[in-house]
Amino acid sequence: MGDSIEEFQPGDLAFIGPNLPHVWIADKEQRMLSKRTLEMVFLQFNLNVLSDQLLSLPEFSNIKRALILSERGIHIIGDTLNQVSEVMLQLP
């Protein structure tokens, strides 16, 4: 992500940090291999809830790293995709 242009597929999951320009365009003419309908589920949160003190704790090291990497965007794949998708779809 970050400075790339790529096609997206059903089931794709991206973690996009603050101030990272992005756009999703669906080509309605293109035939999808899947019979799934196109929908988007997103979670947006304010970074102010994560103080510097909290992010300095060892337990939050992976979260801090993910936030840093998200500045250029993260494409989530594999087993992590399945785990995160399951949690996101359960959110109200």
Protein backbone atom coordinates (compact mmCIF):
# COMPACT_ATOMS: atom_id res chain seq x y z
CA MET A 1 0.00 0.00 0.00
CA GLY A 2 1.20 3.51 0.59
CA ASP A 3 2.30 4.40 -2.91
CA SER A 4 0.81 1.57 -4.94
CA ILE A 5 -2.25 0.90 -7.06
CA GLU A 6 -3.59 -2.63 -6.77
CA GLU A 7 -6.77 -4.57 -7.40
CA PHE A 8 -8.74 -5.74 -4.41
CA GLN A 9 -10.57 -9.03 -3.99
CA PRO A 10 -13.37 -10.31 -1.75
CA GLY A 11 -11.98 -10.96 1.72
CA ASP A 12 -9.12 -8.44 1.47
CA LEU A 13 -8.31 -6.63 4.69
CA ALA A 14 -6.24 -3.46 5.00
CA PHE A 15 -5.07 -1.46 8.02
CA ILE A 16 -4.73 2.17 6.96
CA GLY A 17 -3.13 4.68 9.29
CA PRO A 18 -4.00 8.35 9.68
CA ASN A 19 -3.54 10.78 6.79
CA LEU A 20 -2.91 8.02 4.23
CA PRO A 21 -4.84 8.87 1.06
CA HIS A 22 -6.76 5.91 -0.32
CA VAL A 23 -9.69 5.07 -2.56
CA TRP A 24 -11.55 1.87 -3.40
CA ILE A 25 -13.02 1.63 -6.91
CA ALA A 26 -15.06 -1.40 -7.94
CA ASP A 27 -15.16 -2.30 -11.62
CA LYS A 28 -18.78 -3.35 -12.05
CA GLU A 29 -18.04 -4.81 -15.47
CA GLN A 30 -15.38 -7.21 -14.22
CA ARG A 31 -16.68 -10.67 -13.40
CA MET A 32 -15.76 -11.82 -9.94
CA LEU A 33 -14.58 -15.36 -9.34
CA SER A 34 -16.60 -15.36 -6.14
CA LYS A 35 -20.38 -15.15 -5.85
CA ARG A 36 -19.99 -12.89 -2.81
CA THR A 37 -21.46 -9.41 -2.96
CA LEU A 38 -19.21 -6.41 -2.54
CA GLU A 39 -19.41 -4.85 0.90
CA MET A 40 -17.05 -3.01 3.18
CA VAL A 41 -16.70 -3.35 6.92
CA PHE A 42 -14.50 -0.79 8.60
CA LEU A 43 -13.40 0.15 12.07
CA GLN A 44 -12.26 3.69 12.72
CA PHE A 45 -10.81 4.88 16.00
CA ASN A 46 -9.13 7.92 17.46
CA LEU A 47 -5.43 7.42 18.25
CA ASN A 48 -5.79 9.68 21.30
CA VAL A 49 -7.17 6.70 23.25
CA LEU A 50 -3.68 5.15 23.12
CA SER A 51 -1.40 7.34 25.22
CA ASP A 52 2.39 7.28 24.86
CA GLN A 53 2.56 5.73 28.34
CA LEU A 54 0.27 2.91 27.29
CA LEU A 55 2.18 2.29 24.05
CA SER A 56 5.47 2.14 25.96
CA LEU A 57 4.32 -0.93 27.90
CA PRO A 58 5.80 -4.25 26.70
CA GLU A 59 2.30 -5.68 26.29
CA PHE A 60 1.55 -3.01 23.67
CA SER A 61 4.73 -3.42 21.61
CA ASN A 62 2.92 -5.21 18.77
CA ILE A 63 0.19 -2.59 18.70
CA LYS A 64 2.79 0.19 18.60
CA ARG A 65 4.58 -1.55 15.73
CA ALA A 66 1.30 -2.01 13.82
CA LEU A 67 0.46 1.69 14.22
CA ILE A 68 3.88 2.67 12.87
CA LEU A 69 3.57 0.29 9.91
CA SER A 70 0.02 1.49 9.22
CA GLU A 71 1.39 4.88 8.21
CA ARG A 72 2.09 3.28 4.80
CA GLY A 73 -0.76 0.77 5.00
CA ILE A 74 -0.80 -2.91 5.88
CA HIS A 75 -2.39 -5.64 3.76
CA ILE A 76 -3.44 -8.35 6.20
CA ILE A 77 -3.22 -11.91 4.88
CA GLY A 78 -3.11 -15.55 5.97
CA ASP A 79 -4.22 -16.78 9.36
CA THR A 80 -4.16 -13.23 10.75
CA LEU A 81 -6.74 -12.24 8.10
CA ASN A 82 -9.10 -14.98 9.29
CA GLN A 83 -8.69 -14.09 12.96
CA VAL A 84 -9.11 -10.34 12.52
CA SER A 85 -12.02 -10.71 10.09
CA GLU A 86 -13.89 -12.92 12.53
CA VAL A 87 -13.51 -10.35 15.32
CA MET A 88 -14.45 -7.39 13.08
CA LEU A 89 -17.62 -9.07 11.81
CA GLN A 90 -18.78 -9.54 15.40
CA LEU A 91 -18.49 -5.81 16.21
CA PRO A 92 -21.76 -3.85 16.46
